[in-house]
């Protein structure tokens, strides 16, 4: 019987209408893309497929080593070490990403070499490559991390009737074609109190009823769709509440 050589496969995470949907890709060195929102966590998947080798994951050798590297932003041919786990258990982490990157020791023995980044920063976007060594095998996989950012201006707290800017952008390099905004699942008509331009949404006179889930969806010229959700809380107008403190010149601000 012919033995099938083991390969690594990446779980494909594709963005479809604002949702991240898992799929499957089983070709070694076939790059996949994962999107994560800045400030959240990202999982760069890399697994050993049990269907592509003749023995169970639980029989993997204890001499497993994993090396994650990142391609340089200005010079893609340059590789920079992100995290290295030697078969002895010794870990080496790049100083700029310490302690935000990790892999699970228990998962390594089960063929899961995925890299977790938490929290994600905007400059984490880029191409990552893992090299896994076990027994006499050396396998690799690639994952591209895209980062989407939602920002508020002015920053928190957001107060009723004060103009608000919600901006949404991503690390994707193609030209932005369309931006759509949704509030609590309903499309936002960009007229009157709302104005949208280049991924940003202006709310001229926000009210408490504008609190809730705000979802931005960016569509690019290459048909890539990127989305993110921000939960917004808007406070009622502040009023001056006169307390009776020790000093008569001391006042307390409170909200309705």
Foldseek 3Di string as FASTA:
>chain_A
DDWFDWAKWFFAFAADPNDTDTDTDTDFAPEHEDEDEAQAKDKGWIFTDPVRGDDALLPFALQKKKWKWFADPVGRVDTHTAWIQGSVRDIDGDPVQPPQKDDDPVVVSRGIGMIMGHRDHQVVFGKMKMWMDTDNDIGMYIYTYKYKYWDKPPHPDAEFQAKIKIAIDIPDDAAWDDKWKAQPRHTDDQDDQWHDDPRMIIGRGDDQVSFAKMKMWIAGPVRGIHMDIDGHGYFYDKDWDADDDPDNVDTDIDGD
